[in-house]
Amino acid sequence: MRKPRFEYWINGDRLHCDANESLSYLEDARLKVLADIDEN
């Protein structure tokens, strides 16, 4: 069974996060993406 995998693009860099990694890191990445969108 495959683990869920999340993917984020931040400043052109693709970041992969496994579901068992820190959720706070995922939140930080999501907030950074939203912040980048708001700035433009």
PDB file of N, CA and C in Angstrom:
ATOM      1  N   MET A   1       0.842  -1.200   0.000  1.00  0.00           N
ATOM      2  CA  MET A   1       0.000   0.000   0.000  1.00  0.00           C
ATOM      3  C   MET A   1       0.876   1.248   0.000  1.00  0.00           C
ATOM      4  N   ARG A   2       0.594   2.141  -0.922  1.00  0.00           N
ATOM      5  CA  ARG A   2       1.423   3.349  -1.032  1.00  0.00           C
ATOM      6  C   ARG A   2       0.955   4.411  -0.053  1.00  0.00           C
ATOM      7  N   LYS A   3       1.913   5.121   0.508  1.00  0.00           N
ATOM      8  CA  LYS A   3       1.579   6.223   1.407  1.00  0.00           C
ATOM      9  C   LYS A   3       1.127   7.426   0.586  1.00  0.00           C
ATOM     10  N   PRO A   4       0.215   8.218   1.131  1.00  0.00           N
ATOM     11  CA  PRO A   4      -0.133   9.471   0.449  1.00  0.00           C
ATOM     12  C   PRO A   4       1.100  10.355   0.337  1.00  0.00           C
ATOM     13  N   ARG A   5       1.196  11.078  -0.755  1.00  0.00           N
ATOM     14  CA  ARG A   5       2.364  11.925  -0.969  1.00  0.00           C
ATOM     15  C   ARG A   5       1.885  13.292  -1.412  1.00  0.00           C
ATOM     16  N   PHE A   6       2.421  14.317  -0.802  1.00  0.00           N
ATOM     17  CA  PHE A   6       2.025  15.675  -1.112  1.00  0.00           C
ATOM     18  C   PHE A   6       3.117  16.343  -1.932  1.00  0.00           C
ATOM     19  N   GLU A   7       2.716  17.249  -2.778  1.00  0.00           N
ATOM     20  CA  GLU A   7       3.682  17.916  -3.639  1.00  0.00           C
ATOM     21  C   GLU A   7       3.422  19.420  -3.587  1.00  0.00           C
ATOM     22  N   TYR A   8       4.462  20.184  -3.426  1.00  0.00           N
ATOM     23  CA  TYR A   8       4.343  21.633  -3.379  1.00  0.00           C
ATOM     24  C   TYR A   8       5.343  22.255  -4.335  1.00  0.00           C
ATOM     25  N   TRP A   9       4.932  23.333  -4.937  1.00  0.00           N
ATOM     26  CA  TRP A   9       5.855  24.127  -5.751  1.00  0.00           C
ATOM     27  C   TRP A   9       6.098  25.430  -5.009  1.00  0.00           C
ATOM     28  N   ILE A  10       7.353  25.687  -4.649  1.00  0.00           N
ATOM     29  CA  ILE A  10       7.710  26.939  -3.978  1.00  0.00           C
ATOM     30  C   ILE A  10       8.862  27.568  -4.744  1.00  0.00           C
ATOM     31  N   ASN A  11       8.606  28.738  -5.318  1.00  0.00           N
ATOM     32  CA  ASN A  11       9.631  29.437  -6.095  1.00  0.00           C
ATOM     33  C   ASN A  11      10.235  28.526  -7.157  1.00  0.00           C
ATOM     34  N   GLY A  12       9.392  27.722  -7.800  1.00  0.00           N
ATOM     35  CA  GLY A  12       9.865  26.853  -8.868  1.00  0.00           C
ATOM     36  C   GLY A  12      10.483  25.552  -8.398  1.00  0.00           C
ATOM     37  N   ASP A  13      10.599  25.358  -7.081  1.00  0.00           N
ATOM     38  CA  ASP A  13      11.173  24.117  -6.560  1.00  0.00           C
ATOM     39  C   ASP A  13      10.060  23.163  -6.161  1.00  0.00           C
ATOM     40  N   ARG A  14      10.161  21.924  -6.602  1.00  0.00           N
ATOM     41  CA  ARG A  14       9.147  20.938  -6.246  1.00  0.00           C
ATOM     42  C   ARG A  14       9.567  20.221  -4.973  1.00  0.00           C
ATOM     43  N   LEU A  15       8.711  20.255  -3.979  1.00  0.00           N
ATOM     44  CA  LEU A  15       8.992  19.609  -2.704  1.00  0.00           C
ATOM     45  C   LEU A  15       8.030  18.452  -2.501  1.00  0.00           C
ATOM     46  N   HIS A  16       8.551  17.301  -2.132  1.00  0.00           N
ATOM     47  CA  HIS A  16       7.712  16.149  -1.829  1.00  0.00           C
ATOM     48  C   HIS A  16       7.702  15.925  -0.324  1.00  0.00           C
ATOM     49  N   CYS A  17       6.523  15.651   0.209  1.00  0.00           N
ATOM     50  CA  CYS A  17       6.388  15.389   1.635  1.00  0.00           C
ATOM     51  C   CYS A  17       5.577  14.129   1.827  1.00  0.00           C
ATOM     52  N   ASP A  18       6.137  13.146   2.501  1.00  0.00           N
ATOM     53  CA  ASP A  18       5.364  11.952   2.814  1.00  0.00           C
ATOM     54  C   ASP A  18       4.362  12.270   3.920  1.00  0.00           C
ATOM     55  N   ALA A  19       3.278  11.515   3.935  1.00  0.00           N
ATOM     56  CA  ALA A  19       2.210  11.780   4.899  1.00  0.00           C
ATOM     57  C   ALA A  19       2.692  11.636   6.337  1.00  0.00           C
ATOM     58  N   ASN A  20       3.731  10.834   6.573  1.00  0.00           N
ATOM     59  CA  ASN A  20       4.201  10.632   7.941  1.00  0.00           C
ATOM     60  C   ASN A  20       5.218  11.694   8.372  1.00  0.00           C
ATOM     61  N   GLU A  21       5.510  12.646   7.500  1.00  0.00           N
ATOM     62  CA  GLU A  21       6.407  13.731   7.888  1.00  0.00           C
ATOM     63  C   GLU A  21       5.640  14.795   8.668  1.00  0.00           C
ATOM     64  N   SER A  22       6.346  15.774   9.142  1.00  0.00           N
ATOM     65  CA  SER A  22       5.754  16.806   9.989  1.00  0.00           C
ATOM     66  C   SER A  22       4.632  17.552   9.282  1.00  0.00           C
ATOM     67  N   LEU A  23       3.459  17.545   9.888  1.00  0.00           N
ATOM     68  CA  LEU A  23       2.342  18.289   9.311  1.00  0.00           C
ATOM     69  C   LEU A  23       2.586  19.788   9.414  1.00  0.00           C
ATOM     70  N   SER A  24       3.341  20.216  10.415  1.00  0.00           N
ATOM     71  CA  SER A  24       3.644  21.638  10.529  1.00  0.00           C
ATOM     72  C   SER A  24       4.478  22.091   9.338  1.00  0.00           C
ATOM     73  N   TYR A  25       5.339  21.204   8.829  1.00  0.00           N
ATOM     74  CA  TYR A  25       6.116  21.536   7.641  1.00  0.00           C
ATOM     75  C   TYR A  25       5.187  21.701   6.448  1.00  0.00           C
ATOM     76  N   LEU A  26       4.206  20.810   6.332  1.00  0.00           N
ATOM     77  CA  LEU A  26       3.243  20.920   5.239  1.00  0.00           C
ATOM     78  C   LEU A  26       2.470  22.226   5.345  1.00  0.00           C
ATOM     79  N   GLU A  27       2.075  22.600   6.554  1.00  0.00           N
ATOM     80  CA  GLU A  27       1.363  23.858   6.755  1.00  0.00           C
ATOM     81  C   GLU A  27       2.246  25.036   6.364  1.00  0.00           C
ATOM     82  N   ASP A  28       3.518  25.010   6.767  1.00  0.00           N
ATOM     83  CA  ASP A  28       4.438  26.086   6.414  1.00  0.00           C
ATOM     84  C   ASP A  28       4.551  26.207   4.907  1.00  0.00           C
ATOM     85  N   ALA A  29       4.669  25.076   4.225  1.00  0.00           N
ATOM     86  CA  ALA A  29       4.810  25.097   2.774  1.00  0.00           C
ATOM     87  C   ALA A  29       3.547  25.666   2.135  1.00  0.00           C
ATOM     88  N   ARG A  30       2.385  25.244   2.629  1.00  0.00           N
ATOM     89  CA  ARG A  30       1.132  25.723   2.064  1.00  0.00           C
ATOM     90  C   ARG A  30       0.982  27.227   2.291  1.00  0.00           C
ATOM     91  N   LEU A  31       1.352  27.683   3.486  1.00  0.00           N
ATOM     92  CA  LEU A  31       1.233  29.102   3.789  1.00  0.00           C
ATOM     93  C   LEU A  31       2.197  29.918   2.938  1.00  0.00           C
ATOM     94  N   LYS A  32       3.397  29.378   2.685  1.00  0.00           N
ATOM     95  CA  LYS A  32       4.352  30.079   1.835  1.00  0.00           C
ATOM     96  C   LYS A  32       3.811  30.199   0.418  1.00  0.00           C
ATOM     97  N   VAL A  33       3.180  29.126  -0.074  1.00  0.00           N
ATOM     98  CA  VAL A  33       2.594  29.169  -1.411  1.00  0.00           C
ATOM     99  C   VAL A  33       1.502  30.224  -1.462  1.00  0.00           C
ATOM    100  N   LEU A  34       0.629  30.251  -0.449  1.00  0.00           N
ATOM    101  CA  LEU A  34      -0.446  31.234  -0.419  1.00  0.00           C
ATOM    102  C   LEU A  34       0.118  32.645  -0.327  1.00  0.00           C
ATOM    103  N   ALA A  35       1.182  32.830   0.453  1.00  0.00           N
ATOM    104  CA  ALA A  35       1.800  34.144   0.585  1.00  0.00           C
ATOM    105  C   ALA A  35       2.381  34.591  -0.750  1.00  0.00           C
ATOM    106  N   ASP A  36       3.021  33.665  -1.468  1.00  0.00           N
ATOM    107  CA  ASP A  36       3.587  34.008  -2.771  1.00  0.00           C
ATOM    108  C   ASP A  36       2.486  34.403  -3.747  1.00  0.00           C
ATOM    109  N   ILE A  37       1.352  33.721  -3.694  1.00  0.00           N
ATOM    110  CA  ILE A  37       0.238  34.050  -4.579  1.00  0.00           C
ATOM    111  C   ILE A  37      -0.311  35.431  -4.230  1.00  0.00           C
ATOM    112  N   ASP A  38      -0.440  35.732  -2.951  1.00  0.00           N
ATOM    113  CA  ASP A  38      -0.987  37.019  -2.530  1.00  0.00           C
ATOM    114  C   ASP A  38      -0.092  38.180  -2.945  1.00  0.00           C
ATOM    115  N   GLU A  39       1.214  37.972  -2.944  1.00  0.00           N
ATOM    116  CA  GLU A  39       2.139  39.053  -3.283  1.00  0.00           C
ATOM    117  C   GLU A  39       2.055  39.445  -4.747  1.00  0.00           C
ATOM    118  N   ASN A  40       1.715  38.497  -5.614  1.00  0.00           N
ATOM    119  CA  ASN A  40       1.702  38.785  -7.050  1.00  0.00           C
ATOM    120  C   ASN A  40       0.340  39.288  -7.499  1.00  0.00           C
TER     121      ASN A  40
END
